[in-house]
Amino acid sequence: MRRNESTTTAVATATKPTMYELNERYKDSPVRTNEYEIDGKKFIVHSHFIGSKDIDKVISEIAFNRALNESLNTTKKAA
């Protein structure tokens, strides 16, 4: 490959939606807004819930990780 040669292909740029298109596509989805302050700068994060994850799998993973962490913390305290 030559230096300073663009690696962007027509296919990659044609399939990537713009921010406006994403906002229009998910405008009816539930949204949660959180504000964070980092080093004196205020950041606002908008989380859009579009339903693309399997909720059963997510909850199972959270429960498993929590149980594992509690088990490991209990054995550390007992030792």
N, C-alpha and C. Protein backbone atom coordinates (compact mmCIF):
# COMPACT_ATOMS: atom_id res chain seq x y z
N MET A 1 0.83 -1.17 0.00
CA MET A 1 0.00 0.00 0.00
C MET A 1 0.88 1.25 0.00
N ARG A 2 0.46 2.26 -0.72
CA ARG A 2 1.21 3.49 -0.78
C ARG A 2 0.90 4.37 0.42
N ARG A 3 1.82 5.23 0.75
CA ARG A 3 1.59 6.18 1.84
C ARG A 3 0.51 7.17 1.45
N ASN A 4 -0.25 7.63 2.47
CA ASN A 4 -1.30 8.62 2.29
C ASN A 4 -2.38 8.19 1.31
N GLU A 5 -2.51 6.90 1.10
CA GLU A 5 -3.56 6.40 0.22
C GLU A 5 -4.78 6.08 1.07
N SER A 6 -5.91 6.53 0.65
CA SER A 6 -7.14 6.31 1.40
C SER A 6 -7.51 4.83 1.36
N THR A 7 -7.91 4.29 2.50
CA THR A 7 -8.32 2.89 2.58
C THR A 7 -9.83 2.76 2.67
N THR A 8 -10.56 3.87 2.61
CA THR A 8 -12.00 3.83 2.67
C THR A 8 -12.56 3.34 1.34
N THR A 9 -13.46 2.37 1.41
CA THR A 9 -14.05 1.85 0.18
C THR A 9 -15.44 2.44 0.00
N ALA A 10 -15.95 2.37 -1.20
CA ALA A 10 -17.29 2.88 -1.49
C ALA A 10 -18.34 2.08 -0.73
N VAL A 11 -18.10 0.80 -0.53
CA VAL A 11 -19.06 -0.04 0.18
C VAL A 11 -19.14 0.37 1.64
N ALA A 12 -18.01 0.62 2.28
CA ALA A 12 -17.99 0.98 3.69
C ALA A 12 -18.69 2.31 3.93
N THR A 13 -18.48 3.29 3.06
CA THR A 13 -19.10 4.59 3.28
C THR A 13 -20.57 4.58 2.91
N ALA A 14 -20.99 3.73 2.00
CA ALA A 14 -22.39 3.68 1.58
C ALA A 14 -23.27 3.01 2.63
N THR A 15 -22.74 2.08 3.41
CA THR A 15 -23.55 1.34 4.37
C THR A 15 -23.57 1.97 5.76
N LYS A 16 -22.66 2.87 6.05
CA LYS A 16 -22.61 3.47 7.37
C LYS A 16 -23.66 4.59 7.48
N PRO A 17 -24.64 4.43 8.39
CA PRO A 17 -25.68 5.46 8.51
C PRO A 17 -25.14 6.73 9.19
N THR A 18 -25.73 7.85 8.84
CA THR A 18 -25.35 9.11 9.47
C THR A 18 -26.02 9.22 10.83
N MET A 19 -25.57 10.18 11.63
CA MET A 19 -26.17 10.40 12.95
C MET A 19 -27.64 10.77 12.81
N TYR A 20 -27.96 11.57 11.79
CA TYR A 20 -29.36 11.95 11.56
C TYR A 20 -30.21 10.73 11.26
N GLU A 21 -29.70 9.82 10.41
CA GLU A 21 -30.45 8.60 10.07
C GLU A 21 -30.66 7.72 11.30
N LEU A 22 -29.65 7.61 12.14
CA LEU A 22 -29.79 6.82 13.37
C LEU A 22 -30.82 7.45 14.31
N ASN A 23 -30.78 8.77 14.45
CA ASN A 23 -31.76 9.45 15.29
C ASN A 23 -33.17 9.23 14.79
N GLU A 24 -33.36 9.30 13.49
CA GLU A 24 -34.69 9.07 12.92
C GLU A 24 -35.15 7.62 13.10
N ARG A 25 -34.22 6.69 12.92
CA ARG A 25 -34.56 5.27 13.02
C ARG A 25 -34.99 4.89 14.44
N TYR A 26 -34.33 5.46 15.45
CA TYR A 26 -34.58 5.06 16.83
C TYR A 26 -35.26 6.14 17.66
N LYS A 27 -35.93 7.10 17.04
CA LYS A 27 -36.53 8.21 17.77
C LYS A 27 -37.66 7.76 18.71
N ASP A 28 -38.31 6.64 18.43
CA ASP A 28 -39.41 6.15 19.27
C ASP A 28 -38.94 5.16 20.34
N SER A 29 -37.66 4.86 20.38
CA SER A 29 -37.11 3.93 21.38
C SER A 29 -36.97 4.64 22.72
N PRO A 30 -37.05 3.88 23.83
CA PRO A 30 -36.84 4.49 25.15
C PRO A 30 -35.43 5.07 25.26
N VAL A 31 -35.32 6.20 25.95
CA VAL A 31 -34.04 6.90 26.09
C VAL A 31 -33.80 7.21 27.57
N ARG A 32 -32.55 7.06 27.98
CA ARG A 32 -32.15 7.46 29.34
C ARG A 32 -31.02 8.47 29.19
N THR A 33 -31.09 9.55 29.95
CA THR A 33 -30.07 10.59 29.89
C THR A 33 -29.36 10.68 31.23
N ASN A 34 -28.04 10.64 31.21
CA ASN A 34 -27.22 10.77 32.41
C ASN A 34 -26.21 11.89 32.20
N GLU A 35 -25.93 12.61 33.28
CA GLU A 35 -24.91 13.66 33.23
C GLU A 35 -23.72 13.22 34.08
N TYR A 36 -22.53 13.39 33.52
CA TYR A 36 -21.31 13.05 34.22
C TYR A 36 -20.39 14.25 34.21
N GLU A 37 -19.63 14.42 35.29
CA GLU A 37 -18.64 15.49 35.32
C GLU A 37 -17.27 14.85 35.49
N ILE A 38 -16.40 15.12 34.53
CA ILE A 38 -15.05 14.57 34.53
C ILE A 38 -14.07 15.72 34.37
N ASP A 39 -13.18 15.87 35.35
CA ASP A 39 -12.19 16.94 35.32
C ASP A 39 -12.81 18.31 35.08
N GLY A 40 -13.96 18.54 35.71
CA GLY A 40 -14.62 19.83 35.61
C GLY A 40 -15.44 20.05 34.34
N LYS A 41 -15.42 19.08 33.43
CA LYS A 41 -16.22 19.19 32.21
C LYS A 41 -17.48 18.35 32.35
N LYS A 42 -18.59 18.90 31.92
CA LYS A 42 -19.88 18.22 32.01
C LYS A 42 -20.15 17.46 30.70
N PHE A 43 -20.48 16.17 30.83
CA PHE A 43 -20.80 15.33 29.69
C PHE A 43 -22.22 14.82 29.85
N ILE A 44 -23.00 14.86 28.80
CA ILE A 44 -24.36 14.34 28.81
C ILE A 44 -24.40 13.14 27.88
N VAL A 45 -24.85 11.99 28.41
CA VAL A 45 -24.90 10.75 27.65
C VAL A 45 -26.36 10.35 27.47
N HIS A 46 -26.76 10.13 26.22
CA HIS A 46 -28.10 9.67 25.90
C HIS A 46 -28.00 8.20 25.50
N SER A 47 -28.65 7.32 26.25
CA SER A 47 -28.66 5.89 25.94
C SER A 47 -29.99 5.55 25.29
N HIS A 48 -29.94 5.00 24.08
CA HIS A 48 -31.14 4.60 23.35
C HIS A 48 -31.28 3.09 23.45
N PHE A 49 -32.44 2.62 23.89
CA PHE A 49 -32.68 1.20 24.06
C PHE A 49 -33.47 0.71 22.85
N ILE A 50 -32.78 0.00 21.95
CA ILE A 50 -33.40 -0.39 20.69
C ILE A 50 -33.84 -1.84 20.67
N GLY A 51 -33.56 -2.58 21.73
CA GLY A 51 -34.05 -3.96 21.83
C GLY A 51 -33.31 -4.97 20.99
N SER A 52 -32.05 -4.73 20.69
CA SER A 52 -31.32 -5.67 19.85
C SER A 52 -30.58 -6.75 20.66
N LYS A 53 -30.68 -6.71 21.99
CA LYS A 53 -30.02 -7.73 22.81
C LYS A 53 -31.05 -8.71 23.35
N ASP A 54 -30.61 -9.92 23.61
CA ASP A 54 -31.46 -10.94 24.21
C ASP A 54 -31.47 -10.70 25.72
N ILE A 55 -32.59 -10.20 26.23
CA ILE A 55 -32.67 -9.81 27.64
C ILE A 55 -32.45 -10.99 28.58
N ASP A 56 -32.91 -12.19 28.20
CA ASP A 56 -32.69 -13.37 29.04
C ASP A 56 -31.21 -13.67 29.20
N LYS A 57 -30.47 -13.56 28.09
CA LYS A 57 -29.02 -13.82 28.15
C LYS A 57 -28.32 -12.77 28.99
N VAL A 58 -28.69 -11.50 28.82
CA VAL A 58 -28.06 -10.41 29.57
C VAL A 58 -28.30 -10.58 31.07
N ILE A 59 -29.54 -10.85 31.46
CA ILE A 59 -29.86 -11.01 32.88
C ILE A 59 -29.15 -12.24 33.47
N SER A 60 -29.10 -13.33 32.70
CA SER A 60 -28.39 -14.52 33.17
C SER A 60 -26.91 -14.25 33.40
N GLU A 61 -26.28 -13.51 32.48
CA GLU A 61 -24.86 -13.18 32.64
C GLU A 61 -24.63 -12.29 33.85
N ILE A 62 -25.50 -11.32 34.06
CA ILE A 62 -25.37 -10.44 35.22
C ILE A 62 -25.52 -11.24 36.51
N ALA A 63 -26.53 -12.11 36.57
CA ALA A 63 -26.75 -12.92 37.77
C ALA A 63 -25.58 -13.85 38.03
N PHE A 64 -25.06 -14.48 36.98
CA PHE A 64 -23.93 -15.39 37.14
C PHE A 64 -22.70 -14.64 37.66
N ASN A 65 -22.39 -13.49 37.04
CA ASN A 65 -21.23 -12.71 37.47
C ASN A 65 -21.38 -12.22 38.91
N ARG A 66 -22.57 -11.79 39.28
CA ARG A 66 -22.80 -11.32 40.65
C ARG A 66 -22.62 -12.47 41.64
N ALA A 67 -23.18 -13.64 41.33
CA ALA A 67 -23.05 -14.80 42.22
C ALA A 67 -21.59 -15.22 42.33
N LEU A 68 -20.87 -15.21 41.22
CA LEU A 68 -19.45 -15.58 41.24
C LEU A 68 -18.65 -14.60 42.10
N ASN A 69 -18.89 -13.31 41.91
CA ASN A 69 -18.18 -12.30 42.69
C ASN A 69 -18.49 -12.42 44.18
N GLU A 70 -19.76 -12.66 44.51
CA GLU A 70 -20.13 -12.83 45.92
C GLU A 70 -19.46 -14.07 46.51
N SER A 71 -19.39 -15.15 45.74
CA SER A 71 -18.74 -16.38 46.22
C SER A 71 -17.26 -16.15 46.46
N LEU A 72 -16.61 -15.48 45.53
CA LEU A 72 -15.18 -15.24 45.68
C LEU A 72 -14.90 -14.29 46.84
N ASN A 73 -15.73 -13.28 47.01
CA ASN A 73 -15.53 -12.34 48.13
C ASN A 73 -15.79 -13.01 49.46
N THR A 74 -16.74 -13.95 49.53
CA THR A 74 -17.03 -14.66 50.77
C THR A 74 -15.88 -15.56 51.16
N THR A 75 -15.28 -16.25 50.18
CA THR A 75 -14.16 -17.14 50.50
C THR A 75 -12.92 -16.34 50.89
N LYS A 76 -12.74 -15.15 50.36
CA LYS A 76 -11.59 -14.33 50.73
C LYS A 76 -11.73 -13.85 52.18
N LYS A 77 -12.96 -13.50 52.59
CA LYS A 77 -13.19 -13.03 53.95
C LYS A 77 -13.03 -14.16 54.96
N ALA A 78 -13.43 -15.39 54.56
CA ALA A 78 -13.34 -16.52 55.47
C ALA A 78 -11.91 -17.00 55.64
N ALA A 79 -11.07 -16.76 54.68
CA ALA A 79 -9.69 -17.26 54.74
C ALA A 79 -8.80 -16.47 55.62
